Amino acid sequence: MDDCIFCKIAQGRLGSFIFEDDELAAFKDINPAGPVHVLVVPKKHIPGIREVKEDASIIGRMAARAVEIAAEMGISDTGFRLVVNSGPDGGQSVQHLHMHLLGGRPFGWPPG
């Protein structure tokens, strides 16, 4: 999508990557909620988790990549949080499927 900020980033037109392959891109969040805040996105435009249907396996690949990034960033042993928001009440501000990797500090429960 031409107007999707995450599509532009995933296509390499904006920003820089922590990780990239043919299917996924990962980059630092511009408004971090912790010392580590990385977004993992599919390069294919999928508006959100509700629309993932035939691409459902992408969620597993996003999570696996986030776990690898957590290890690379040194937060794997102390713990981290993976979050996928859905819709405005769920906190999704960009209509492109993305997974947040958060870590580097303790997080409370419940979130929000």
N, C-alpha and C. Protein backbone atom coordinates (compact mmCIF):
# COMPACT_ATOMS: atom_id res chain seq x y z
N MET A 1 0.84 -1.18 0.00
CA MET A 1 0.00 0.00 0.00
C MET A 1 0.88 1.25 0.00
N ASP A 2 0.59 2.15 -0.85
CA ASP A 2 1.42 3.34 -1.01
C ASP A 2 1.43 4.26 0.20
N ASP A 3 0.33 4.31 0.95
CA ASP A 3 0.26 5.24 2.07
C ASP A 3 0.56 4.60 3.42
N CYS A 4 0.92 3.33 3.44
CA CYS A 4 1.19 2.62 4.70
C CYS A 4 2.66 2.83 5.12
N ILE A 5 2.85 3.43 6.28
CA ILE A 5 4.20 3.73 6.77
C ILE A 5 5.02 2.46 6.97
N PHE A 6 4.40 1.38 7.46
CA PHE A 6 5.15 0.14 7.67
C PHE A 6 5.50 -0.53 6.35
N CYS A 7 4.66 -0.38 5.32
CA CYS A 7 5.03 -0.89 3.99
C CYS A 7 6.26 -0.14 3.48
N LYS A 8 6.26 1.18 3.65
CA LYS A 8 7.41 1.97 3.20
C LYS A 8 8.69 1.56 3.92
N ILE A 9 8.58 1.33 5.23
CA ILE A 9 9.75 0.90 6.00
C ILE A 9 10.19 -0.48 5.55
N ALA A 10 9.24 -1.42 5.44
CA ALA A 10 9.56 -2.80 5.07
C ALA A 10 10.15 -2.89 3.66
N GLN A 11 9.80 -1.95 2.80
CA GLN A 11 10.35 -1.92 1.44
C GLN A 11 11.69 -1.21 1.38
N GLY A 12 12.17 -0.71 2.53
CA GLY A 12 13.47 -0.05 2.59
C GLY A 12 13.45 1.39 2.14
N ARG A 13 12.26 1.98 2.01
CA ARG A 13 12.16 3.37 1.57
C ARG A 13 12.32 4.35 2.73
N LEU A 14 12.18 3.88 3.96
CA LEU A 14 12.33 4.71 5.16
C LEU A 14 13.05 3.90 6.23
N GLY A 15 13.83 4.57 7.06
CA GLY A 15 14.42 3.93 8.23
C GLY A 15 15.47 2.88 7.92
N SER A 16 15.82 2.15 8.97
CA SER A 16 16.81 1.08 8.84
C SER A 16 16.35 -0.13 9.64
N PHE A 17 16.86 -1.29 9.26
CA PHE A 17 16.42 -2.55 9.84
C PHE A 17 17.37 -3.07 10.91
N ILE A 18 16.81 -3.78 11.87
CA ILE A 18 17.57 -4.63 12.78
C ILE A 18 17.72 -5.99 12.11
N PHE A 19 16.67 -6.37 11.37
CA PHE A 19 16.64 -7.65 10.67
C PHE A 19 15.80 -7.49 9.41
N GLU A 20 16.17 -8.25 8.37
CA GLU A 20 15.37 -8.29 7.15
C GLU A 20 15.62 -9.61 6.46
N ASP A 21 14.54 -10.20 5.93
CA ASP A 21 14.65 -11.33 5.01
C ASP A 21 13.59 -11.11 3.93
N ASP A 22 13.28 -12.13 3.15
CA ASP A 22 12.32 -11.96 2.06
C ASP A 22 10.90 -11.68 2.55
N GLU A 23 10.60 -12.08 3.78
CA GLU A 23 9.23 -12.04 4.29
C GLU A 23 8.99 -11.05 5.42
N LEU A 24 10.03 -10.78 6.23
CA LEU A 24 9.88 -9.96 7.43
C LEU A 24 10.91 -8.84 7.50
N ALA A 25 10.55 -7.82 8.25
CA ALA A 25 11.50 -6.76 8.59
C ALA A 25 11.31 -6.44 10.07
N ALA A 26 12.38 -6.05 10.73
CA ALA A 26 12.32 -5.65 12.14
C ALA A 26 13.11 -4.35 12.29
N PHE A 27 12.53 -3.44 13.08
CA PHE A 27 13.14 -2.13 13.27
C PHE A 27 12.75 -1.58 14.62
N LYS A 28 13.52 -0.60 15.10
CA LYS A 28 13.24 0.01 16.40
C LYS A 28 12.01 0.90 16.31
N ASP A 29 11.18 0.85 17.36
CA ASP A 29 10.00 1.71 17.44
C ASP A 29 10.45 3.15 17.66
N ILE A 30 9.81 4.10 16.99
CA ILE A 30 10.22 5.51 17.13
C ILE A 30 9.72 6.12 18.44
N ASN A 31 8.81 5.44 19.12
CA ASN A 31 8.29 5.92 20.41
C ASN A 31 8.40 4.76 21.41
N PRO A 32 9.62 4.41 21.84
CA PRO A 32 9.82 3.20 22.63
C PRO A 32 9.13 3.23 24.00
N ALA A 33 8.58 2.07 24.36
CA ALA A 33 7.94 1.89 25.66
C ALA A 33 8.86 1.15 26.62
N GLY A 34 10.11 1.01 26.28
CA GLY A 34 11.10 0.34 27.12
C GLY A 34 12.47 0.49 26.49
N PRO A 35 13.51 0.09 27.21
CA PRO A 35 14.87 0.16 26.66
C PRO A 35 15.01 -0.61 25.34
N VAL A 36 14.27 -1.71 25.21
CA VAL A 36 14.21 -2.43 23.94
C VAL A 36 12.76 -2.38 23.47
N HIS A 37 12.54 -1.86 22.29
CA HIS A 37 11.21 -1.84 21.68
C HIS A 37 11.40 -1.96 20.17
N VAL A 38 11.21 -3.17 19.69
CA VAL A 38 11.40 -3.51 18.29
C VAL A 38 10.07 -3.93 17.70
N LEU A 39 9.81 -3.53 16.46
CA LEU A 39 8.62 -3.97 15.74
C LEU A 39 9.04 -4.97 14.68
N VAL A 40 8.30 -6.08 14.62
CA VAL A 40 8.51 -7.11 13.60
C VAL A 40 7.28 -7.07 12.71
N VAL A 41 7.49 -6.85 11.41
CA VAL A 41 6.37 -6.71 10.47
C VAL A 41 6.56 -7.62 9.27
N PRO A 42 5.45 -8.12 8.71
CA PRO A 42 5.56 -8.81 7.43
C PRO A 42 5.75 -7.78 6.33
N LYS A 43 6.49 -8.13 5.30
CA LYS A 43 6.66 -7.22 4.16
C LYS A 43 5.36 -7.13 3.36
N LYS A 44 4.60 -8.20 3.35
CA LYS A 44 3.30 -8.18 2.69
C LYS A 44 2.34 -7.35 3.54
N HIS A 45 1.57 -6.49 2.91
CA HIS A 45 0.62 -5.68 3.67
C HIS A 45 -0.55 -6.55 4.13
N ILE A 46 -0.66 -6.71 5.43
CA ILE A 46 -1.79 -7.36 6.10
C ILE A 46 -2.27 -6.34 7.12
N PRO A 47 -3.51 -5.85 7.02
CA PRO A 47 -3.95 -4.77 7.89
C PRO A 47 -3.84 -5.07 9.39
N GLY A 48 -4.09 -6.29 9.80
CA GLY A 48 -4.02 -6.62 11.22
C GLY A 48 -4.24 -8.11 11.43
N ILE A 49 -4.24 -8.51 12.69
CA ILE A 49 -4.36 -9.94 13.01
C ILE A 49 -5.72 -10.51 12.59
N ARG A 50 -6.74 -9.68 12.55
CA ARG A 50 -8.06 -10.16 12.12
C ARG A 50 -8.07 -10.54 10.65
N GLU A 51 -7.15 -10.00 9.87
CA GLU A 51 -7.11 -10.25 8.43
C GLU A 51 -6.02 -11.25 8.04
N VAL A 52 -5.41 -11.91 8.99
CA VAL A 52 -4.25 -12.76 8.70
C VAL A 52 -4.64 -14.07 8.00
N LYS A 53 -5.81 -14.57 8.19
CA LYS A 53 -6.38 -15.82 7.65
C LYS A 53 -5.41 -16.73 6.89
N GLU A 54 -5.29 -16.59 5.57
CA GLU A 54 -4.47 -17.53 4.80
C GLU A 54 -2.98 -17.35 5.05
N ASP A 55 -2.60 -16.27 5.71
CA ASP A 55 -1.20 -16.03 6.05
C ASP A 55 -0.93 -16.28 7.53
N ALA A 56 -1.76 -17.07 8.18
CA ALA A 56 -1.68 -17.26 9.64
C ALA A 56 -0.30 -17.73 10.10
N SER A 57 0.41 -18.48 9.30
CA SER A 57 1.72 -18.98 9.72
C SER A 57 2.74 -17.85 9.90
N ILE A 58 2.45 -16.69 9.34
CA ILE A 58 3.37 -15.55 9.49
C ILE A 58 3.52 -15.16 10.96
N ILE A 59 2.47 -15.34 11.75
CA ILE A 59 2.52 -14.99 13.17
C ILE A 59 3.61 -15.80 13.87
N GLY A 60 3.67 -17.08 13.58
CA GLY A 60 4.71 -17.93 14.18
C GLY A 60 6.10 -17.51 13.76
N ARG A 61 6.27 -17.15 12.49
CA ARG A 61 7.58 -16.70 12.02
C ARG A 61 7.96 -15.36 12.64
N MET A 62 6.97 -14.49 12.83
CA MET A 62 7.24 -13.20 13.49
C MET A 62 7.69 -13.44 14.93
N ALA A 63 6.99 -14.33 15.64
CA ALA A 63 7.33 -14.62 17.03
C ALA A 63 8.72 -15.27 17.13
N ALA A 64 9.01 -16.22 16.25
CA ALA A 64 10.32 -16.88 16.27
C ALA A 64 11.44 -15.86 16.02
N ARG A 65 11.21 -14.95 15.09
CA ARG A 65 12.22 -13.94 14.81
C ARG A 65 12.38 -13.00 16.00
N ALA A 66 11.26 -12.62 16.65
CA ALA A 66 11.33 -11.74 17.82
C ALA A 66 12.14 -12.40 18.94
N VAL A 67 11.97 -13.70 19.14
CA VAL A 67 12.74 -14.42 20.16
C VAL A 67 14.23 -14.38 19.83
N GLU A 68 14.58 -14.54 18.57
CA GLU A 68 15.99 -14.46 18.16
C GLU A 68 16.54 -13.05 18.39
N ILE A 69 15.75 -12.03 18.07
CA ILE A 69 16.19 -10.65 18.28
C ILE A 69 16.37 -10.38 19.77
N ALA A 70 15.46 -10.91 20.60
CA ALA A 70 15.59 -10.74 22.06
C ALA A 70 16.92 -11.31 22.54
N ALA A 71 17.30 -12.47 22.03
CA ALA A 71 18.58 -13.07 22.42
C ALA A 71 19.74 -12.19 21.95
N GLU A 72 19.66 -11.71 20.72
CA GLU A 72 20.72 -10.85 20.18
C GLU A 72 20.86 -9.56 20.98
N MET A 73 19.75 -9.06 21.54
CA MET A 73 19.77 -7.80 22.29
C MET A 73 20.02 -8.01 23.78
N GLY A 74 20.25 -9.26 24.18
CA GLY A 74 20.63 -9.56 25.55
C GLY A 74 19.50 -9.52 26.56
N ILE A 75 18.26 -9.67 26.12
CA ILE A 75 17.13 -9.63 27.06
C ILE A 75 16.43 -10.98 27.19
N SER A 76 16.96 -11.98 26.53
CA SER A 76 16.31 -13.29 26.53
C SER A 76 16.27 -13.92 27.92
N ASP A 77 17.35 -13.80 28.69
CA ASP A 77 17.41 -14.43 30.01
C ASP A 77 16.55 -13.73 31.05
N THR A 78 16.44 -12.40 30.97
CA THR A 78 15.67 -11.66 31.97
C THR A 78 14.19 -11.59 31.63
N GLY A 79 13.84 -11.79 30.37
CA GLY A 79 12.45 -11.81 29.95
C GLY A 79 12.08 -10.64 29.07
N PHE A 80 11.00 -10.82 28.35
CA PHE A 80 10.53 -9.81 27.41
C PHE A 80 9.04 -10.04 27.18
N ARG A 81 8.43 -9.13 26.48
CA ARG A 81 7.00 -9.23 26.17
C ARG A 81 6.82 -9.11 24.66
N LEU A 82 5.95 -9.96 24.09
CA LEU A 82 5.54 -9.87 22.70
C LEU A 82 4.08 -9.46 22.68
N VAL A 83 3.75 -8.45 21.88
CA VAL A 83 2.39 -7.90 21.84
C VAL A 83 1.95 -7.71 20.40
N VAL A 84 0.71 -8.12 20.11
CA VAL A 84 0.06 -7.80 18.84
C VAL A 84 -1.24 -7.11 19.19
N ASN A 85 -1.34 -5.84 18.84
CA ASN A 85 -2.56 -5.07 19.10
C ASN A 85 -3.52 -5.23 17.94
N SER A 86 -4.83 -5.10 18.23
CA SER A 86 -5.84 -5.23 17.19
C SER A 86 -6.91 -4.17 17.37
N GLY A 87 -7.04 -3.32 16.37
CA GLY A 87 -8.08 -2.29 16.38
C GLY A 87 -7.78 -1.14 17.31
N PRO A 88 -8.57 -0.07 17.20
CA PRO A 88 -8.30 1.13 17.99
C PRO A 88 -8.39 0.90 19.51
N ASP A 89 -9.36 0.13 19.97
CA ASP A 89 -9.46 -0.13 21.42
C ASP A 89 -8.35 -1.04 21.92
N GLY A 90 -7.76 -1.82 21.02
CA GLY A 90 -6.64 -2.68 21.37
C GLY A 90 -5.30 -1.99 21.26
N GLY A 91 -5.30 -0.73 20.82
CA GLY A 91 -4.07 0.04 20.75
C GLY A 91 -3.34 -0.02 19.42
N GLN A 92 -3.99 -0.56 18.38
CA GLN A 92 -3.33 -0.62 17.08
C GLN A 92 -3.43 0.74 16.40
N SER A 93 -2.29 1.40 16.23
CA SER A 93 -2.29 2.74 15.64
C SER A 93 -1.89 2.73 14.16
N VAL A 94 -1.22 1.68 13.70
CA VAL A 94 -0.86 1.54 12.29
C VAL A 94 -1.56 0.30 11.76
N GLN A 95 -2.29 0.45 10.69
CA GLN A 95 -3.08 -0.65 10.13
C GLN A 95 -2.24 -1.54 9.21
N HIS A 96 -1.22 -2.12 9.81
CA HIS A 96 -0.33 -3.09 9.16
C HIS A 96 0.07 -4.03 10.29
N LEU A 97 -0.17 -5.32 10.11
CA LEU A 97 0.17 -6.30 11.15
C LEU A 97 1.58 -6.07 11.66
N HIS A 98 1.74 -6.01 12.98
CA HIS A 98 3.07 -5.87 13.56
C HIS A 98 3.08 -6.44 14.98
N MET A 99 4.24 -6.91 15.35
CA MET A 99 4.45 -7.48 16.67
C MET A 99 5.48 -6.64 17.40
N HIS A 100 5.16 -6.25 18.63
CA HIS A 100 6.08 -5.48 19.47
C HIS A 100 6.91 -6.45 20.30
N LEU A 101 8.21 -6.26 20.30
CA LEU A 101 9.13 -6.93 21.22
C LEU A 101 9.56 -5.87 22.22
N LEU A 102 9.20 -6.08 23.49
CA LEU A 102 9.50 -5.11 24.55
C LEU A 102 10.34 -5.78 25.62
N GLY A 103 11.36 -5.10 26.09
CA GLY A 103 12.19 -5.66 27.16
C GLY A 103 13.17 -4.66 27.69
N GLY A 104 14.03 -5.14 28.58
CA GLY A 104 15.05 -4.30 29.16
C GLY A 104 14.64 -3.65 30.46
N ARG A 105 13.41 -3.92 30.92
CA ARG A 105 12.92 -3.43 32.20
C ARG A 105 11.75 -4.33 32.60
N PRO A 106 11.39 -4.34 33.90
CA PRO A 106 10.22 -5.12 34.32
C PRO A 106 8.93 -4.49 33.78
N PHE A 107 8.00 -5.32 33.38
CA PHE A 107 6.68 -4.88 32.93
C PHE A 107 5.64 -5.41 33.91
N GLY A 108 4.68 -4.58 34.25
CA GLY A 108 3.63 -4.98 35.18
C GLY A 108 2.47 -5.69 34.47
N TRP A 109 1.56 -6.18 35.29
CA TRP A 109 0.34 -6.80 34.77
C TRP A 109 -0.81 -6.34 35.62
N PRO A 110 -1.92 -5.98 35.10
CA PRO A 110 -2.24 -6.01 33.68
C PRO A 110 -1.60 -4.86 32.92
N PRO A 111 -1.39 -5.07 31.61
CA PRO A 111 -0.82 -3.98 30.81
C PRO A 111 -1.84 -2.87 30.60
N GLY A 112 -1.36 -1.73 30.13
CA GLY A 112 -2.26 -0.63 29.80
C GLY A 112 -2.65 0.17 30.94
